[in-house]
Amino acid sequence: MNPQQLELLVTRVMPFGKYKGRVIADLPGHYLNWFASQGFPPGEIGRLLALMQEIDHNGLKPLLDPLRKREAGA
C-alpha cells in the first residue's frame, strides 16, 4: 500500500451505483462487503474499493482522518 492510494480514498468519488458521487472513504461497510462477496470491479476503482473494504473491516477508518483534514484545508 502506498500513501497515494490512501489519499485517493478520501478524494476519489464512486463513479457508479447506489452511492455514485460519494467519496470512497465514506462508503458504508455493508456496500464494501457486498463488493467483497460479489467481486470488485476491474481497474483502479476495484483496487480502491478492495483497499477501503480491508480498512473498514479491520476498524482502521480513523487512520484516514489526517488525510481528510488535509484535503479539507487544501
PDB file of N, CA and C in Angstrom:
ATOM      1  N   MET A   1       0.848  -1.174   0.000  1.00  0.00           N
ATOM      2  CA  MET A   1       0.000   0.000   0.000  1.00  0.00           C
ATOM      3  C   MET A   1       0.891   1.233   0.000  1.00  0.00           C
ATOM      4  N   ASN A   2       0.528   2.186  -0.857  1.00  0.00           N
ATOM      5  CA  ASN A   2       1.319   3.409  -0.869  1.00  0.00           C
ATOM      6  C   ASN A   2       0.453   4.588  -0.439  1.00  0.00           C
ATOM      7  N   PRO A   3       1.082   5.658   0.015  1.00  0.00           N
ATOM      8  CA  PRO A   3       0.339   6.810   0.520  1.00  0.00           C
ATOM      9  C   PRO A   3      -0.608   7.429  -0.507  1.00  0.00           C
ATOM     10  N   GLN A   4      -0.248   7.362  -1.779  1.00  0.00           N
ATOM     11  CA  GLN A   4      -1.122   7.933  -2.808  1.00  0.00           C
ATOM     12  C   GLN A   4      -2.465   7.211  -2.853  1.00  0.00           C
ATOM     13  N   GLN A   5      -2.453   5.900  -2.628  1.00  0.00           N
ATOM     14  CA  GLN A   5      -3.709   5.146  -2.613  1.00  0.00           C
ATOM     15  C   GLN A   5      -4.599   5.611  -1.467  1.00  0.00           C
ATOM     16  N   LEU A   6      -4.006   5.858  -0.319  1.00  0.00           N
ATOM     17  CA  LEU A   6      -4.789   6.332   0.825  1.00  0.00           C
ATOM     18  C   LEU A   6      -5.387   7.705   0.534  1.00  0.00           C
ATOM     19  N   GLU A   7      -4.618   8.562  -0.107  1.00  0.00           N
ATOM     20  CA  GLU A   7      -5.135   9.883  -0.465  1.00  0.00           C
ATOM     21  C   GLU A   7      -6.295   9.766  -1.454  1.00  0.00           C
ATOM     22  N   LEU A   8      -6.207   8.814  -2.370  1.00  0.00           N
ATOM     23  CA  LEU A   8      -7.293   8.622  -3.329  1.00  0.00           C
ATOM     24  C   LEU A   8      -8.589   8.196  -2.635  1.00  0.00           C
ATOM     25  N   LEU A   9      -8.475   7.460  -1.537  1.00  0.00           N
ATOM     26  CA  LEU A   9      -9.674   7.023  -0.822  1.00  0.00           C
ATOM     27  C   LEU A   9     -10.499   8.202  -0.310  1.00  0.00           C
ATOM     28  N   VAL A  10      -9.841   9.290   0.040  1.00  0.00           N
ATOM     29  CA  VAL A  10     -10.563  10.449   0.583  1.00  0.00           C
ATOM     30  C   VAL A  10     -10.865  11.505  -0.481  1.00  0.00           C
ATOM     31  N   THR A  11     -10.435  11.260  -1.737  1.00  0.00           N
ATOM     32  CA  THR A  11     -10.696  12.246  -2.792  1.00  0.00           C
ATOM     33  C   THR A  11     -11.490  11.684  -3.967  1.00  0.00           C
ATOM     34  N   ARG A  12     -11.315  10.415  -4.277  1.00  0.00           N
ATOM     35  CA  ARG A  12     -11.977   9.800  -5.430  1.00  0.00           C
ATOM     36  C   ARG A  12     -13.428   9.478  -5.092  1.00  0.00           C
ATOM     37  N   VAL A  13     -14.312   9.807  -6.004  1.00  0.00           N
ATOM     38  CA  VAL A  13     -15.737   9.532  -5.776  1.00  0.00           C
ATOM     39  C   VAL A  13     -16.152   8.266  -6.514  1.00  0.00           C
ATOM     40  N   MET A  14     -17.146   7.620  -5.969  1.00  0.00           N
ATOM     41  CA  MET A  14     -17.697   6.410  -6.578  1.00  0.00           C
ATOM     42  C   MET A  14     -18.340   6.810  -7.901  1.00  0.00           C
ATOM     43  N   PRO A  15     -17.922   6.201  -9.011  1.00  0.00           N
ATOM     44  CA  PRO A  15     -18.415   6.637 -10.320  1.00  0.00           C
ATOM     45  C   PRO A  15     -19.736   6.002 -10.767  1.00  0.00           C
ATOM     46  N   PHE A  16     -20.259   5.048 -10.006  1.00  0.00           N
ATOM     47  CA  PHE A  16     -21.480   4.355 -10.427  1.00  0.00           C
ATOM     48  C   PHE A  16     -22.185   3.756  -9.216  1.00  0.00           C
ATOM     49  N   GLY A  17     -23.385   3.276  -9.447  1.00  0.00           N
ATOM     50  CA  GLY A  17     -24.113   2.520  -8.431  1.00  0.00           C
ATOM     51  C   GLY A  17     -24.891   3.374  -7.453  1.00  0.00           C
ATOM     52  N   LYS A  18     -25.362   2.710  -6.422  1.00  0.00           N
ATOM     53  CA  LYS A  18     -26.224   3.318  -5.415  1.00  0.00           C
ATOM     54  C   LYS A  18     -25.574   4.524  -4.743  1.00  0.00           C
ATOM     55  N   TYR A  19     -24.278   4.472  -4.566  1.00  0.00           N
ATOM     56  CA  TYR A  19     -23.565   5.549  -3.871  1.00  0.00           C
ATOM     57  C   TYR A  19     -22.725   6.395  -4.827  1.00  0.00           C
ATOM     58  N   LYS A  20     -23.154   6.492  -6.056  1.00  0.00           N
ATOM     59  CA  LYS A  20     -22.462   7.314  -7.054  1.00  0.00           C
ATOM     60  C   LYS A  20     -22.297   8.734  -6.520  1.00  0.00           C
ATOM     61  N   GLY A  21     -21.082   9.270  -6.640  1.00  0.00           N
ATOM     62  CA  GLY A  21     -20.804  10.626  -6.196  1.00  0.00           C
ATOM     63  C   GLY A  21     -20.288  10.730  -4.769  1.00  0.00           C
ATOM     64  N   ARG A  22     -20.325   9.647  -4.035  1.00  0.00           N
ATOM     65  CA  ARG A  22     -19.837   9.663  -2.656  1.00  0.00           C
ATOM     66  C   ARG A  22     -18.356   9.292  -2.652  1.00  0.00           C
ATOM     67  N   VAL A  23     -17.587   9.962  -1.805  1.00  0.00           N
ATOM     68  CA  VAL A  23     -16.159   9.665  -1.667  1.00  0.00           C
ATOM     69  C   VAL A  23     -16.008   8.213  -1.206  1.00  0.00           C
ATOM     70  N   ILE A  24     -15.061   7.506  -1.758  1.00  0.00           N
ATOM     71  CA  ILE A  24     -14.889   6.081  -1.463  1.00  0.00           C
ATOM     72  C   ILE A  24     -14.710   5.831   0.035  1.00  0.00           C
ATOM     73  N   ALA A  25     -14.000   6.706   0.715  1.00  0.00           N
ATOM     74  CA  ALA A  25     -13.792   6.533   2.154  1.00  0.00           C
ATOM     75  C   ALA A  25     -15.101   6.642   2.940  1.00  0.00           C
ATOM     76  N   ASP A  26     -16.132   7.212   2.339  1.00  0.00           N
ATOM     77  CA  ASP A  26     -17.418   7.380   3.020  1.00  0.00           C
ATOM     78  C   ASP A  26     -18.441   6.310   2.658  1.00  0.00           C
ATOM     79  N   LEU A  27     -18.045   5.323   1.864  1.00  0.00           N
ATOM     80  CA  LEU A  27     -18.978   4.257   1.514  1.00  0.00           C
ATOM     81  C   LEU A  27     -19.252   3.385   2.737  1.00  0.00           C
ATOM     82  N   PRO A  28     -20.502   2.963   2.910  1.00  0.00           N
ATOM     83  CA  PRO A  28     -20.823   2.133   4.086  1.00  0.00           C
ATOM     84  C   PRO A  28     -20.196   0.742   3.986  1.00  0.00           C
ATOM     85  N   GLY A  29     -19.893   0.192   5.145  1.00  0.00           N
ATOM     86  CA  GLY A  29     -19.253  -1.110   5.221  1.00  0.00           C
ATOM     87  C   GLY A  29     -20.030  -2.212   4.529  1.00  0.00           C
ATOM     88  N   HIS A  30     -21.360  -2.187   4.658  1.00  0.00           N
ATOM     89  CA  HIS A  30     -22.154  -3.253   4.032  1.00  0.00           C
ATOM     90  C   HIS A  30     -22.016  -3.231   2.511  1.00  0.00           C
ATOM     91  N   TYR A  31     -21.868  -2.044   1.941  1.00  0.00           N
ATOM     92  CA  TYR A  31     -21.690  -1.914   0.493  1.00  0.00           C
ATOM     93  C   TYR A  31     -20.321  -2.464   0.079  1.00  0.00           C
ATOM     94  N   LEU A  32     -19.301  -2.119   0.841  1.00  0.00           N
ATOM     95  CA  LEU A  32     -17.959  -2.624   0.568  1.00  0.00           C
ATOM     96  C   LEU A  32     -17.908  -4.145   0.726  1.00  0.00           C
ATOM     97  N   ASN A  33     -18.598  -4.662   1.736  1.00  0.00           N
ATOM     98  CA  ASN A  33     -18.640  -6.111   1.944  1.00  0.00           C
ATOM     99  C   ASN A  33     -19.378  -6.810   0.812  1.00  0.00           C
ATOM    100  N   TRP A  34     -20.399  -6.155   0.269  1.00  0.00           N
ATOM    101  CA  TRP A  34     -21.114  -6.725  -0.861  1.00  0.00           C
ATOM    102  C   TRP A  34     -20.157  -6.898  -2.044  1.00  0.00           C
ATOM    103  N   PHE A  35     -19.358  -5.878  -2.314  1.00  0.00           N
ATOM    104  CA  PHE A  35     -18.369  -5.995  -3.391  1.00  0.00           C
ATOM    105  C   PHE A  35     -17.385  -7.122  -3.095  1.00  0.00           C
ATOM    106  N   ALA A  36     -16.969  -7.246  -1.845  1.00  0.00           N
ATOM    107  CA  ALA A  36     -16.022  -8.304  -1.480  1.00  0.00           C
ATOM    108  C   ALA A  36     -16.611  -9.683  -1.757  1.00  0.00           C
ATOM    109  N   SER A  37     -17.902  -9.836  -1.539  1.00  0.00           N
ATOM    110  CA  SER A  37     -18.525 -11.142  -1.767  1.00  0.00           C
ATOM    111  C   SER A  37     -18.849 -11.390  -3.237  1.00  0.00           C
ATOM    112  N   GLN A  38     -19.131 -10.329  -3.994  1.00  0.00           N
ATOM    113  CA  GLN A  38     -19.528 -10.468  -5.393  1.00  0.00           C
ATOM    114  C   GLN A  38     -18.359 -10.314  -6.370  1.00  0.00           C
ATOM    115  N   GLY A  39     -17.307  -9.668  -5.906  1.00  0.00           N
ATOM    116  CA  GLY A  39     -16.155  -9.397  -6.762  1.00  0.00           C
ATOM    117  C   GLY A  39     -16.033  -7.906  -7.033  1.00  0.00           C
ATOM    118  N   PHE A  40     -14.851  -7.393  -6.856  1.00  0.00           N
ATOM    119  CA  PHE A  40     -14.591  -5.978  -7.098  1.00  0.00           C
ATOM    120  C   PHE A  40     -14.480  -5.728  -8.597  1.00  0.00           C
ATOM    121  N   PRO A  41     -14.878  -4.545  -9.044  1.00  0.00           N
ATOM    122  CA  PRO A  41     -14.734  -4.235 -10.464  1.00  0.00           C
ATOM    123  C   PRO A  41     -13.258  -4.164 -10.855  1.00  0.00           C
ATOM    124  N   PRO A  42     -12.984  -4.288 -12.144  1.00  0.00           N
ATOM    125  CA  PRO A  42     -11.582  -4.225 -12.588  1.00  0.00           C
ATOM    126  C   PRO A  42     -11.019  -2.808 -12.489  1.00  0.00           C
ATOM    127  N   GLY A  43      -9.725  -2.726 -12.516  1.00  0.00           N
ATOM    128  CA  GLY A  43      -9.053  -1.428 -12.584  1.00  0.00           C
ATOM    129  C   GLY A  43      -8.878  -0.742 -11.249  1.00  0.00           C
ATOM    130  N   GLU A  44      -8.566   0.539 -11.351  1.00  0.00           N
ATOM    131  CA  GLU A  44      -8.247   1.328 -10.165  1.00  0.00           C
ATOM    132  C   GLU A  44      -9.405   1.382  -9.177  1.00  0.00           C
ATOM    133  N   ILE A  45     -10.618   1.563  -9.667  1.00  0.00           N
ATOM    134  CA  ILE A  45     -11.745   1.677  -8.747  1.00  0.00           C
ATOM    135  C   ILE A  45     -11.902   0.396  -7.930  1.00  0.00           C
ATOM    136  N   GLY A  46     -11.708  -0.736  -8.560  1.00  0.00           N
ATOM    137  CA  GLY A  46     -11.779  -2.006  -7.843  1.00  0.00           C
ATOM    138  C   GLY A  46     -10.695  -2.134  -6.787  1.00  0.00           C
ATOM    139  N   ARG A  47      -9.498  -1.706  -7.121  1.00  0.00           N
ATOM    140  CA  ARG A  47      -8.395  -1.759  -6.151  1.00  0.00           C
ATOM    141  C   ARG A  47      -8.676  -0.845  -4.968  1.00  0.00           C
ATOM    142  N   LEU A  48      -9.220   0.334  -5.240  1.00  0.00           N
ATOM    143  CA  LEU A  48      -9.540   1.261  -4.154  1.00  0.00           C
ATOM    144  C   LEU A  48     -10.676   0.728  -3.281  1.00  0.00           C
ATOM    145  N   LEU A  49     -11.692   0.142  -3.897  1.00  0.00           N
ATOM    146  CA  LEU A  49     -12.788  -0.436  -3.119  1.00  0.00           C
ATOM    147  C   LEU A  49     -12.287  -1.587  -2.248  1.00  0.00           C
ATOM    148  N   ALA A  50     -11.409  -2.424  -2.798  1.00  0.00           N
ATOM    149  CA  ALA A  50     -10.853  -3.533  -2.020  1.00  0.00           C
ATOM    150  C   ALA A  50     -10.026  -3.014  -0.841  1.00  0.00           C
ATOM    151  N   LEU A  51      -9.232  -1.993  -1.087  1.00  0.00           N
ATOM    152  CA  LEU A  51      -8.435  -1.399  -0.015  1.00  0.00           C
ATOM    153  C   LEU A  51      -9.341  -0.808   1.058  1.00  0.00           C
ATOM    154  N   MET A  52     -10.381  -0.085   0.640  1.00  0.00           N
ATOM    155  CA  MET A  52     -11.286   0.523   1.611  1.00  0.00           C
ATOM    156  C   MET A  52     -12.038  -0.535   2.396  1.00  0.00           C
ATOM    157  N   GLN A  53     -12.414  -1.624   1.751  1.00  0.00           N
ATOM    158  CA  GLN A  53     -13.106  -2.703   2.458  1.00  0.00           C
ATOM    159  C   GLN A  53     -12.188  -3.298   3.527  1.00  0.00           C
ATOM    160  N   GLU A  54     -10.946  -3.487   3.196  1.00  0.00           N
ATOM    161  CA  GLU A  54      -9.980  -4.036   4.152  1.00  0.00           C
ATOM    162  C   GLU A  54      -9.788  -3.081   5.338  1.00  0.00           C
ATOM    163  N   ILE A  55      -9.670  -1.799   5.051  1.00  0.00           N
ATOM    164  CA  ILE A  55      -9.520  -0.796   6.112  1.00  0.00           C
ATOM    165  C   ILE A  55     -10.750  -0.792   7.006  1.00  0.00           C
ATOM    166  N   ASP A  56     -11.939  -0.768   6.391  1.00  0.00           N
ATOM    167  CA  ASP A  56     -13.186  -0.738   7.152  1.00  0.00           C
ATOM    168  C   ASP A  56     -13.352  -2.017   7.971  1.00  0.00           C
ATOM    169  N   HIS A  57     -13.114  -3.155   7.360  1.00  0.00           N
ATOM    170  CA  HIS A  57     -13.285  -4.448   8.020  1.00  0.00           C
ATOM    171  C   HIS A  57     -12.404  -4.574   9.264  1.00  0.00           C
ATOM    172  N   ASN A  58     -11.228  -3.984   9.210  1.00  0.00           N
ATOM    173  CA  ASN A  58     -10.284  -4.069  10.324  1.00  0.00           C
ATOM    174  C   ASN A  58     -10.373  -2.894  11.291  1.00  0.00           C
ATOM    175  N   GLY A  59     -11.400  -2.050  11.121  1.00  0.00           N
ATOM    176  CA  GLY A  59     -11.615  -0.942  12.049  1.00  0.00           C
ATOM    177  C   GLY A  59     -10.551   0.144  11.969  1.00  0.00           C
ATOM    178  N   LEU A  60      -9.995   0.345  10.801  1.00  0.00           N
ATOM    179  CA  LEU A  60      -8.886   1.293  10.652  1.00  0.00           C
ATOM    180  C   LEU A  60      -9.292   2.618  10.004  1.00  0.00           C
ATOM    181  N   LYS A  61     -10.586   2.880   9.863  1.00  0.00           N
ATOM    182  CA  LYS A  61     -11.025   4.130   9.228  1.00  0.00           C
ATOM    183  C   LYS A  61     -10.423   5.387   9.871  1.00  0.00           C
ATOM    184  N   PRO A  62     -10.224   5.410  11.190  1.00  0.00           N
ATOM    185  CA  PRO A  62      -9.621   6.627  11.784  1.00  0.00           C
ATOM    186  C   PRO A  62      -8.248   6.979  11.216  1.00  0.00           C
ATOM    187  N   LEU A  63      -7.560   6.010  10.619  1.00  0.00           N
ATOM    188  CA  LEU A  63      -6.262   6.315  10.006  1.00  0.00           C
ATOM    189  C   LEU A  63      -6.392   7.295   8.842  1.00  0.00           C
ATOM    190  N   LEU A  64      -7.586   7.405   8.274  1.00  0.00           N
ATOM    191  CA  LEU A  64      -7.797   8.316   7.146  1.00  0.00           C
ATOM    192  C   LEU A  64      -8.112   9.745   7.597  1.00  0.00           C
ATOM    193  N   ASP A  65      -8.403   9.937   8.886  1.00  0.00           N
ATOM    194  CA  ASP A  65      -8.788  11.262   9.380  1.00  0.00           C
ATOM    195  C   ASP A  65      -7.766  12.359   9.085  1.00  0.00           C
ATOM    196  N   PRO A  66      -6.467  12.125   9.292  1.00  0.00           N
ATOM    197  CA  PRO A  66      -5.497  13.189   8.970  1.00  0.00           C
ATOM    198  C   PRO A  66      -5.535  13.560   7.476  1.00  0.00           C
ATOM    199  N   LEU A  67      -5.763  12.589   6.615  1.00  0.00           N
ATOM    200  CA  LEU A  67      -5.832  12.884   5.188  1.00  0.00           C
ATOM    201  C   LEU A  67      -7.082  13.673   4.858  1.00  0.00           C
ATOM    202  N   ARG A  68      -8.173  13.374   5.531  1.00  0.00           N
ATOM    203  CA  ARG A  68      -9.415  14.134   5.317  1.00  0.00           C
ATOM    204  C   ARG A  68      -9.220  15.591   5.712  1.00  0.00           C
ATOM    205  N   LYS A  69      -8.569  15.802   6.859  1.00  0.00           N
ATOM    206  CA  LYS A  69      -8.343  17.165   7.335  1.00  0.00           C
ATOM    207  C   LYS A  69      -7.435  17.927   6.383  1.00  0.00           C
ATOM    208  N   ARG A  70      -6.437  17.233   5.859  1.00  0.00           N
ATOM    209  CA  ARG A  70      -5.528  17.867   4.903  1.00  0.00           C
ATOM    210  C   ARG A  70      -6.258  18.251   3.626  1.00  0.00           C
ATOM    211  N   GLU A  71      -7.143  17.381   3.160  1.00  0.00           N
ATOM    212  CA  GLU A  71      -7.933  17.672   1.953  1.00  0.00           C
ATOM    213  C   GLU A  71      -8.900  18.822   2.197  1.00  0.00           C
ATOM    214  N   ALA A  72      -9.492  18.879   3.375  1.00  0.00           N
ATOM    215  CA  ALA A  72     -10.435  19.948   3.705  1.00  0.00           C
ATOM    216  C   ALA A  72      -9.739  21.312   3.725  1.00  0.00           C
ATOM    217  N   GLY A  73      -8.474  21.292   4.130  1.00  0.00           N
ATOM    218  CA  GLY A  73      -7.722  22.537   4.192  1.00  0.00           C
ATOM    219  C   GLY A  73      -7.091  22.930   2.878  1.00  0.00           C
ATOM    220  N   ALA A  74      -7.112  22.030   1.913  1.00  0.00           N
ATOM    221  CA  ALA A  74      -6.456  22.295   0.637  1.00  0.00           C
ATOM    222  C   ALA A  74      -7.243  23.254  -0.228  1.00  0.00           C
TER     223      ALA A  74
END
